[in-house]
C-alpha cells in the first residue's frame, strides 16, 4: 500500500461539518462533532471555514514531547497514532501540536487524534465539496501546483485589467 496524505483546501470548505459527523460516527458510533478527530473552525462574519486535521508530520512534535512514546507511526498508513497501552493522558501532545489537531474526548477525557481510519479516511470520503482529499503525495503536489498556477494567473489578469 502506497502511503497517502490528507490534503485540505479551505477555499472549498462550506462549514457543513459532515466530516466531523462522519468521523465521530466512524470512531465512536455517535453523531457528535465534539468527539471527532477533525475540527472545523468557522469565522461566520467573514464566511470562512477551515478543516483542522492531523497532517501526520514527518517529524511530529507531539511524539517528541510524549514521555511514554505513546505516539507511534503506523507503518501501513504512515499515520501517527496513539498507542493506548502507553498513553498516560498527560496531554503534552495536545499542547505541543502546532495545528491544534489533537483533541480531548469530552466524554472519556482520553486524548484522541486522526488515525486516517486505517487508510480510508471517512472525512475525505464524505466531504461533498472535496475540500478534504486523501491522495498520493505526487497527486497532492500536482494539485497544489495547479492551484498556485491558477492563483498566479488570476493575479496577472487583475494586474493586466488594472493597467488598462
N, C-alpha and C. Protein backbone atom coordinates (compact mmCIF):
# COMPACT_ATOMS: atom_id res chain seq x y z
N UNK A 1 0.84 -1.18 0.00
CA UNK A 1 0.00 0.00 0.00
C UNK A 1 0.89 1.24 0.00
N UNK A 2 0.71 2.11 -0.99
CA UNK A 2 1.46 3.36 -1.04
C UNK A 2 0.90 4.32 0.00
N UNK A 3 1.80 5.03 0.67
CA UNK A 3 1.35 5.98 1.68
C UNK A 3 0.68 7.16 1.01
N UNK A 4 -0.41 7.60 1.59
CA UNK A 4 -1.17 8.72 1.05
C UNK A 4 -1.22 9.81 2.11
N UNK A 5 -1.66 11.00 1.69
CA UNK A 5 -1.71 12.14 2.60
C UNK A 5 -3.08 12.81 2.50
N UNK A 6 -3.51 13.36 3.65
CA UNK A 6 -4.72 14.17 3.65
C UNK A 6 -4.34 15.57 3.18
N UNK A 7 -5.13 16.10 2.28
CA UNK A 7 -4.93 17.48 1.87
C UNK A 7 -6.21 18.24 2.16
N UNK A 8 -6.05 19.50 2.53
CA UNK A 8 -7.19 20.34 2.89
C UNK A 8 -7.15 21.60 2.05
N UNK A 9 -8.28 21.93 1.43
CA UNK A 9 -8.41 23.18 0.68
C UNK A 9 -9.52 24.00 1.33
N UNK A 10 -9.14 24.95 2.19
CA UNK A 10 -10.16 25.73 2.91
C UNK A 10 -11.06 26.55 1.99
N UNK A 11 -10.60 26.82 0.77
CA UNK A 11 -11.44 27.61 -0.15
C UNK A 11 -12.65 26.81 -0.61
N UNK A 12 -12.61 25.49 -0.44
CA UNK A 12 -13.73 24.64 -0.85
C UNK A 12 -14.64 24.26 0.32
N UNK A 13 -14.20 24.55 1.54
CA UNK A 13 -14.97 24.15 2.72
C UNK A 13 -16.16 25.09 2.92
N UNK A 14 -17.35 24.50 3.05
CA UNK A 14 -18.57 25.28 3.27
C UNK A 14 -18.97 25.32 4.75
N UNK A 15 -18.24 24.60 5.58
CA UNK A 15 -18.59 24.55 7.00
C UNK A 15 -19.76 23.65 7.31
N UNK A 16 -20.06 22.71 6.43
CA UNK A 16 -21.21 21.82 6.62
C UNK A 16 -21.01 20.86 7.79
N UNK A 17 -19.76 20.58 8.13
CA UNK A 17 -19.36 19.72 9.24
C UNK A 17 -19.70 18.24 9.06
N UNK A 18 -19.99 17.85 7.84
CA UNK A 18 -20.26 16.44 7.56
C UNK A 18 -19.03 15.60 7.92
N UNK A 19 -17.84 16.15 7.71
CA UNK A 19 -16.61 15.42 8.05
C UNK A 19 -16.56 15.10 9.54
N UNK A 20 -16.92 16.07 10.38
CA UNK A 20 -16.93 15.85 11.83
C UNK A 20 -17.97 14.81 12.23
N UNK A 21 -19.14 14.91 11.63
CA UNK A 21 -20.21 13.96 11.95
C UNK A 21 -19.82 12.55 11.54
N UNK A 22 -19.28 12.41 10.34
CA UNK A 22 -18.85 11.10 9.86
C UNK A 22 -17.73 10.52 10.70
N UNK A 23 -16.78 11.37 11.08
CA UNK A 23 -15.66 10.93 11.90
C UNK A 23 -16.14 10.44 13.27
N UNK A 24 -17.00 11.23 13.91
CA UNK A 24 -17.47 10.82 15.24
C UNK A 24 -18.27 9.53 15.17
N UNK A 25 -19.03 9.36 14.09
CA UNK A 25 -19.79 8.11 13.96
C UNK A 25 -18.86 6.93 13.69
N UNK A 26 -17.88 7.15 12.82
CA UNK A 26 -16.92 6.08 12.50
C UNK A 26 -16.15 5.63 13.74
N UNK A 27 -15.73 6.59 14.56
CA UNK A 27 -14.87 6.27 15.70
C UNK A 27 -15.62 5.95 16.98
N UNK A 28 -16.76 6.61 17.20
CA UNK A 28 -17.46 6.47 18.48
C UNK A 28 -18.88 5.93 18.36
N UNK A 29 -19.35 5.78 17.12
CA UNK A 29 -20.73 5.35 16.86
C UNK A 29 -21.76 6.32 17.44
N UNK A 30 -21.39 7.59 17.47
CA UNK A 30 -22.29 8.68 17.84
C UNK A 30 -22.11 9.80 16.83
N UNK A 31 -23.15 10.59 16.63
CA UNK A 31 -23.05 11.74 15.75
C UNK A 31 -22.87 12.96 16.65
N UNK A 32 -21.60 13.29 16.91
CA UNK A 32 -21.27 14.35 17.85
C UNK A 32 -19.93 14.97 17.43
N UNK A 33 -19.94 16.16 16.83
CA UNK A 33 -18.70 16.77 16.36
C UNK A 33 -17.64 16.94 17.45
N UNK A 34 -18.05 17.06 18.70
CA UNK A 34 -17.09 17.22 19.80
C UNK A 34 -16.25 15.97 20.01
N UNK A 35 -16.69 14.83 19.44
CA UNK A 35 -15.96 13.58 19.61
C UNK A 35 -15.23 13.16 18.33
N UNK A 36 -15.15 14.09 17.38
CA UNK A 36 -14.47 13.82 16.11
C UNK A 36 -12.96 14.04 16.23
N UNK A 37 -12.23 13.49 15.31
CA UNK A 37 -10.78 13.66 15.24
C UNK A 37 -10.40 14.72 14.22
N UNK A 38 -11.39 15.48 13.79
CA UNK A 38 -11.20 16.61 12.88
C UNK A 38 -12.04 17.75 13.46
N UNK A 39 -11.61 18.96 13.24
CA UNK A 39 -12.37 20.10 13.73
C UNK A 39 -12.53 21.14 12.63
N UNK A 40 -13.68 21.75 12.60
CA UNK A 40 -13.92 22.84 11.64
C UNK A 40 -13.96 24.13 12.43
N UNK A 41 -13.10 25.06 12.05
CA UNK A 41 -13.07 26.39 12.66
C UNK A 41 -13.73 27.34 11.66
N UNK A 42 -14.77 28.04 12.13
CA UNK A 42 -15.54 28.91 11.23
C UNK A 42 -15.52 30.34 11.72
N UNK A 43 -15.32 31.24 10.79
CA UNK A 43 -15.46 32.68 11.03
C UNK A 43 -16.73 33.10 10.29
N UNK A 44 -17.84 33.12 11.01
CA UNK A 44 -19.13 33.37 10.39
C UNK A 44 -19.21 34.74 9.73
N UNK A 45 -18.72 35.77 10.39
CA UNK A 45 -18.80 37.13 9.82
C UNK A 45 -17.98 37.27 8.55
N UNK A 46 -16.91 36.49 8.45
CA UNK A 46 -16.06 36.55 7.26
C UNK A 46 -16.46 35.52 6.21
N UNK A 47 -17.22 34.51 6.64
CA UNK A 47 -17.67 33.49 5.70
C UNK A 47 -16.64 32.43 5.37
N UNK A 48 -15.75 32.15 6.32
CA UNK A 48 -14.72 31.14 6.09
C UNK A 48 -14.83 30.00 7.10
N UNK A 49 -14.58 28.80 6.61
CA UNK A 49 -14.47 27.62 7.46
C UNK A 49 -13.19 26.89 7.07
N UNK A 50 -12.46 26.43 8.06
CA UNK A 50 -11.19 25.75 7.82
C UNK A 50 -11.17 24.41 8.55
N UNK A 51 -11.04 23.31 7.81
CA UNK A 51 -10.89 22.00 8.45
C UNK A 51 -9.51 21.89 9.10
N UNK A 52 -9.48 21.47 10.36
CA UNK A 52 -8.22 21.24 11.07
C UNK A 52 -8.11 19.74 11.30
N UNK A 53 -7.09 19.16 10.72
CA UNK A 53 -6.89 17.72 10.83
C UNK A 53 -5.39 17.44 10.95
N UNK A 54 -5.05 16.38 11.63
CA UNK A 54 -3.65 15.98 11.77
C UNK A 54 -3.05 15.72 10.39
N UNK A 55 -1.86 16.28 10.17
CA UNK A 55 -1.16 16.07 8.91
C UNK A 55 -0.11 14.97 9.01
N UNK A 56 -0.02 14.31 10.17
CA UNK A 56 0.88 13.19 10.36
C UNK A 56 2.30 13.57 9.92
N UNK A 57 2.79 14.62 10.55
CA UNK A 57 4.08 15.24 10.22
C UNK A 57 5.22 14.22 10.10
N UNK A 58 6.19 14.54 9.25
CA UNK A 58 7.38 13.70 9.14
C UNK A 58 8.15 13.65 10.45
N UNK A 59 8.19 14.79 11.15
CA UNK A 59 8.87 14.88 12.45
C UNK A 59 7.86 15.44 13.45
N UNK A 60 6.95 14.59 13.95
CA UNK A 60 5.85 15.08 14.79
C UNK A 60 6.30 15.55 16.17
N UNK A 61 6.02 16.81 16.44
CA UNK A 61 6.33 17.39 17.74
C UNK A 61 5.56 16.67 18.84
N UNK A 62 4.33 16.27 18.53
CA UNK A 62 3.51 15.57 19.52
C UNK A 62 4.21 14.31 20.02
N UNK A 63 4.84 13.58 19.12
CA UNK A 63 5.55 12.36 19.50
C UNK A 63 6.83 12.69 20.27
N UNK A 64 7.48 13.80 19.89
CA UNK A 64 8.71 14.19 20.57
C UNK A 64 8.49 14.51 22.05
N UNK A 65 7.33 15.12 22.36
CA UNK A 65 7.10 15.52 23.76
C UNK A 65 6.48 14.42 24.61
N UNK A 66 6.04 13.36 24.00
CA UNK A 66 5.37 12.29 24.75
C UNK A 66 6.36 11.55 25.65
N UNK A 67 6.14 11.59 26.96
CA UNK A 67 7.09 10.94 27.88
C UNK A 67 7.06 9.42 27.84
N UNK A 68 6.02 8.82 27.26
CA UNK A 68 5.91 7.36 27.24
C UNK A 68 6.00 6.78 25.83
N UNK A 69 6.34 7.63 24.85
CA UNK A 69 6.42 7.19 23.45
C UNK A 69 5.12 6.55 22.97
N UNK A 70 4.00 7.15 23.38
CA UNK A 70 2.69 6.60 23.02
C UNK A 70 2.24 6.99 21.61
N UNK A 71 2.90 7.96 21.01
CA UNK A 71 2.56 8.34 19.64
C UNK A 71 3.56 7.68 18.71
N UNK A 72 3.05 6.77 17.88
CA UNK A 72 3.90 5.96 17.01
C UNK A 72 3.38 6.02 15.58
N UNK A 73 4.27 5.75 14.66
CA UNK A 73 3.92 5.77 13.24
C UNK A 73 3.39 4.41 12.82
N UNK A 74 2.18 4.38 12.24
CA UNK A 74 1.61 3.16 11.67
C UNK A 74 2.34 2.91 10.35
N UNK A 75 3.03 1.82 10.25
CA UNK A 75 3.84 1.53 9.07
C UNK A 75 3.01 1.30 7.81
N UNK A 76 1.76 0.87 7.97
CA UNK A 76 0.91 0.61 6.81
C UNK A 76 0.33 1.89 6.22
N UNK A 77 -0.05 2.85 7.07
CA UNK A 77 -0.71 4.07 6.58
C UNK A 77 0.15 5.31 6.67
N UNK A 78 1.18 5.27 7.50
CA UNK A 78 2.00 6.46 7.73
C UNK A 78 1.42 7.39 8.78
N UNK A 79 0.27 7.02 9.33
CA UNK A 79 -0.38 7.86 10.33
C UNK A 79 0.37 7.81 11.65
N UNK A 80 0.39 8.95 12.36
CA UNK A 80 0.90 9.00 13.72
C UNK A 80 -0.29 8.66 14.60
N UNK A 81 -0.22 7.53 15.30
CA UNK A 81 -1.36 7.03 16.08
C UNK A 81 -1.00 6.92 17.56
N UNK A 82 -2.04 6.85 18.38
CA UNK A 82 -1.86 6.74 19.82
C UNK A 82 -1.88 5.28 20.23
N UNK A 83 -0.82 4.85 20.89
CA UNK A 83 -0.76 3.51 21.47
C UNK A 83 -1.43 3.61 22.83
N UNK A 84 -2.66 3.13 22.94
CA UNK A 84 -3.45 3.24 24.17
C UNK A 84 -2.79 2.54 25.36
N UNK A 85 -1.97 1.54 25.10
CA UNK A 85 -1.29 0.84 26.19
C UNK A 85 -0.19 1.69 26.83
N UNK A 86 0.30 2.69 26.08
CA UNK A 86 1.36 3.54 26.60
C UNK A 86 0.88 4.91 27.06
N UNK A 87 -0.23 5.39 26.53
CA UNK A 87 -0.70 6.75 26.83
C UNK A 87 -1.11 6.87 28.30
N UNK A 88 -0.57 7.89 28.97
CA UNK A 88 -0.92 8.13 30.37
C UNK A 88 -1.85 9.33 30.52
N UNK A 89 -2.25 9.92 29.40
CA UNK A 89 -3.20 11.03 29.45
C UNK A 89 -2.62 12.34 29.94
N UNK A 90 -1.33 12.55 29.80
CA UNK A 90 -0.69 13.77 30.30
C UNK A 90 -1.05 15.01 29.46
N UNK A 91 -1.46 14.79 28.22
CA UNK A 91 -1.91 15.84 27.31
C UNK A 91 -0.80 16.75 26.79
N UNK A 92 0.44 16.37 26.97
CA UNK A 92 1.53 17.17 26.42
C UNK A 92 1.43 17.26 24.90
N UNK A 93 0.99 16.19 24.27
CA UNK A 93 0.84 16.18 22.81
C UNK A 93 -0.21 17.19 22.36
N UNK A 94 -1.26 17.34 23.14
CA UNK A 94 -2.33 18.28 22.80
C UNK A 94 -1.79 19.69 22.74
N UNK A 95 -1.01 20.07 23.73
CA UNK A 95 -0.48 21.43 23.77
C UNK A 95 0.66 21.63 22.77
N UNK A 96 1.37 20.55 22.41
CA UNK A 96 2.51 20.66 21.50
C UNK A 96 2.11 20.73 20.04
N UNK A 97 0.96 20.19 19.67
CA UNK A 97 0.57 20.14 18.26
C UNK A 97 0.42 21.56 17.71
N UNK A 98 1.20 21.92 16.70
CA UNK A 98 1.12 23.27 16.16
C UNK A 98 -0.18 23.56 15.42
N UNK A 99 -0.91 22.52 15.04
CA UNK A 99 -2.16 22.71 14.31
C UNK A 99 -3.38 22.66 15.22
N UNK A 100 -3.19 22.24 16.46
CA UNK A 100 -4.35 22.06 17.33
C UNK A 100 -5.19 20.88 16.88
N UNK A 101 -4.55 19.88 16.32
CA UNK A 101 -5.26 18.74 15.72
C UNK A 101 -5.30 17.51 16.61
N UNK A 102 -4.97 17.67 17.88
CA UNK A 102 -5.12 16.58 18.85
C UNK A 102 -6.13 17.06 19.87
N UNK A 103 -7.11 16.23 20.16
CA UNK A 103 -8.26 16.64 20.93
C UNK A 103 -8.41 15.81 22.21
N UNK A 104 -9.27 16.29 23.09
CA UNK A 104 -9.66 15.54 24.28
C UNK A 104 -11.13 15.15 24.11
N UNK A 105 -11.41 13.87 24.19
CA UNK A 105 -12.79 13.41 24.08
C UNK A 105 -13.56 13.93 25.29
N UNK A 106 -14.66 14.68 25.07
CA UNK A 106 -15.38 15.28 26.19
C UNK A 106 -16.09 14.26 27.09
N UNK A 107 -16.29 13.06 26.60
CA UNK A 107 -16.97 12.05 27.42
C UNK A 107 -16.00 11.13 28.16
N UNK A 108 -14.91 10.77 27.50
CA UNK A 108 -13.97 9.82 28.11
C UNK A 108 -12.74 10.51 28.70
N UNK A 109 -12.52 11.76 28.33
CA UNK A 109 -11.33 12.55 28.71
C UNK A 109 -10.04 11.96 28.15
N UNK A 110 -10.15 11.06 27.18
CA UNK A 110 -8.96 10.50 26.53
C UNK A 110 -8.48 11.43 25.42
N UNK A 111 -7.17 11.36 25.17
CA UNK A 111 -6.59 12.06 24.03
C UNK A 111 -7.01 11.32 22.77
N UNK A 112 -7.49 12.06 21.77
CA UNK A 112 -7.88 11.45 20.51
C UNK A 112 -7.28 12.25 19.35
N UNK A 113 -6.99 11.55 18.27
CA UNK A 113 -6.47 12.22 17.08
C UNK A 113 -6.74 11.34 15.86
N UNK A 114 -6.62 11.95 14.72
CA UNK A 114 -6.83 11.25 13.46
C UNK A 114 -5.85 10.08 13.33
N UNK A 115 -6.37 8.96 12.85
CA UNK A 115 -5.53 7.81 12.56
C UNK A 115 -5.69 7.37 11.10
N UNK A 116 -6.25 8.28 10.30
CA UNK A 116 -6.52 8.04 8.87
C UNK A 116 -7.49 6.88 8.65
N UNK A 117 -8.25 6.55 9.68
CA UNK A 117 -9.26 5.48 9.59
C UNK A 117 -8.67 4.21 8.98
N UNK A 118 -7.43 3.92 9.35
CA UNK A 118 -6.79 2.71 8.86
C UNK A 118 -6.46 2.75 7.38
N UNK A 119 -6.45 3.92 6.78
CA UNK A 119 -6.11 4.05 5.36
C UNK A 119 -7.29 4.40 4.47
N UNK A 120 -8.43 4.67 5.06
CA UNK A 120 -9.62 5.05 4.30
C UNK A 120 -10.38 6.13 5.09
N UNK A 121 -9.83 7.36 5.15
CA UNK A 121 -10.43 8.39 6.00
C UNK A 121 -11.85 8.77 5.60
N UNK A 122 -12.75 8.61 6.56
CA UNK A 122 -14.17 8.90 6.33
C UNK A 122 -14.38 10.37 5.98
N UNK A 123 -13.60 11.27 6.61
CA UNK A 123 -13.78 12.70 6.34
C UNK A 123 -13.60 13.00 4.85
N UNK A 124 -12.59 12.41 4.23
CA UNK A 124 -12.35 12.63 2.80
C UNK A 124 -13.43 11.97 1.94
N UNK A 125 -13.87 10.79 2.36
CA UNK A 125 -14.91 10.10 1.60
C UNK A 125 -16.22 10.88 1.59
N UNK A 126 -16.54 11.51 2.72
CA UNK A 126 -17.84 12.17 2.86
C UNK A 126 -17.86 13.63 2.45
N UNK A 127 -16.72 14.27 2.31
CA UNK A 127 -16.69 15.71 2.04
C UNK A 127 -17.36 16.01 0.69
N UNK A 128 -18.51 16.70 0.72
CA UNK A 128 -19.25 16.91 -0.53
C UNK A 128 -18.59 17.89 -1.50
N UNK A 129 -17.71 18.75 -1.00
CA UNK A 129 -17.07 19.74 -1.87
C UNK A 129 -15.63 19.37 -2.21
N UNK A 130 -15.17 18.24 -1.71
CA UNK A 130 -13.80 17.77 -1.92
C UNK A 130 -12.77 18.74 -1.33
N UNK A 131 -13.15 19.40 -0.22
CA UNK A 131 -12.20 20.26 0.49
C UNK A 131 -11.16 19.40 1.20
N UNK A 132 -11.52 18.15 1.49
CA UNK A 132 -10.59 17.21 2.11
C UNK A 132 -10.42 16.05 1.13
N UNK A 133 -9.17 15.78 0.78
CA UNK A 133 -8.86 14.69 -0.14
C UNK A 133 -7.78 13.81 0.48
N UNK A 134 -7.77 12.56 0.09
CA UNK A 134 -6.74 11.60 0.53
C UNK A 134 -6.04 11.13 -0.73
N UNK A 135 -4.82 11.63 -0.93
CA UNK A 135 -4.14 11.45 -2.21
C UNK A 135 -2.75 10.88 -2.06
N UNK A 136 -2.24 10.35 -3.16
CA UNK A 136 -0.83 10.01 -3.24
C UNK A 136 -0.07 11.34 -3.13
N UNK A 137 1.10 11.35 -2.51
CA UNK A 137 1.85 12.61 -2.39
C UNK A 137 2.08 13.32 -3.72
N UNK A 138 2.35 12.57 -4.78
CA UNK A 138 2.58 13.21 -6.09
C UNK A 138 1.30 13.88 -6.60
N UNK A 139 0.15 13.24 -6.36
CA UNK A 139 -1.13 13.86 -6.74
C UNK A 139 -1.37 15.13 -5.96
N UNK A 140 -1.06 15.10 -4.66
CA UNK A 140 -1.24 16.26 -3.80
C UNK A 140 -0.36 17.41 -4.27
N UNK A 141 0.88 17.10 -4.65
CA UNK A 141 1.79 18.13 -5.14
C UNK A 141 1.31 18.70 -6.46
N UNK A 142 0.83 17.86 -7.36
CA UNK A 142 0.31 18.35 -8.63
C UNK A 142 -0.91 19.24 -8.42
N UNK A 143 -1.77 18.87 -7.48
CA UNK A 143 -2.94 19.68 -7.17
C UNK A 143 -2.51 21.04 -6.65
N UNK A 144 -1.55 21.07 -5.71
CA UNK A 144 -1.06 22.34 -5.17
C UNK A 144 -0.42 23.19 -6.26
N UNK A 145 0.32 22.54 -7.16
CA UNK A 145 0.97 23.27 -8.25
C UNK A 145 -0.08 23.92 -9.15
N UNK A 146 -1.13 23.16 -9.50
CA UNK A 146 -2.19 23.72 -10.34
C UNK A 146 -2.89 24.88 -9.64
N UNK A 147 -3.15 24.73 -8.33
CA UNK A 147 -3.82 25.79 -7.58
C UNK A 147 -2.95 27.04 -7.50
N UNK A 148 -1.64 26.86 -7.29
CA UNK A 148 -0.72 28.01 -7.24
C UNK A 148 -0.65 28.68 -8.61
N UNK A 149 -0.61 27.89 -9.67
CA UNK A 149 -0.57 28.46 -11.03
C UNK A 149 -1.86 29.22 -11.32
N UNK A 150 -2.98 28.67 -10.91
CA UNK A 150 -4.27 29.34 -11.12
C UNK A 150 -4.31 30.68 -10.39
N UNK A 151 -3.83 30.69 -9.14
CA UNK A 151 -3.80 31.93 -8.36
C UNK A 151 -2.89 32.95 -9.03
N UNK A 152 -1.77 32.51 -9.57
CA UNK A 152 -0.85 33.41 -10.26
C UNK A 152 -1.51 33.99 -11.51
N UNK A 153 -2.20 33.16 -12.27
CA UNK A 153 -2.89 33.64 -13.47
C UNK A 153 -3.94 34.68 -13.10
N UNK A 154 -4.67 34.45 -12.02
CA UNK A 154 -5.69 35.40 -11.60
C UNK A 154 -5.06 36.74 -11.20
N UNK A 155 -3.92 36.69 -10.53
CA UNK A 155 -3.21 37.93 -10.16
C UNK A 155 -2.74 38.65 -11.42
N UNK A 156 -2.19 37.90 -12.36
CA UNK A 156 -1.73 38.52 -13.62
C UNK A 156 -2.88 39.14 -14.39
N UNK A 157 -4.02 38.46 -14.43
CA UNK A 157 -5.17 39.01 -15.14
C UNK A 157 -5.69 40.27 -14.47
N UNK A 158 -5.74 40.29 -13.13
CA UNK A 158 -6.17 41.51 -12.42
C UNK A 158 -5.20 42.65 -12.68
N UNK A 159 -3.91 42.31 -12.71
CA UNK A 159 -2.88 43.33 -12.97
C UNK A 159 -3.04 43.89 -14.38
N UNK A 160 -3.28 43.02 -15.33
CA UNK A 160 -3.46 43.44 -16.73
C UNK A 160 -4.70 44.33 -16.86
N UNK A 161 -5.78 43.98 -16.18
CA UNK A 161 -7.00 44.78 -16.21
C UNK A 161 -6.79 46.14 -15.56
N UNK A 162 -6.01 46.15 -14.47
CA UNK A 162 -5.76 47.41 -13.75
C UNK A 162 -4.93 48.36 -14.61
N UNK A 163 -4.05 47.81 -15.45
CA UNK A 163 -3.22 48.65 -16.31
C UNK A 163 -3.98 49.18 -17.50
N UNK A 164 -5.10 48.54 -17.78
CA UNK A 164 -5.98 49.00 -18.86
C UNK A 164 -5.60 48.46 -20.14
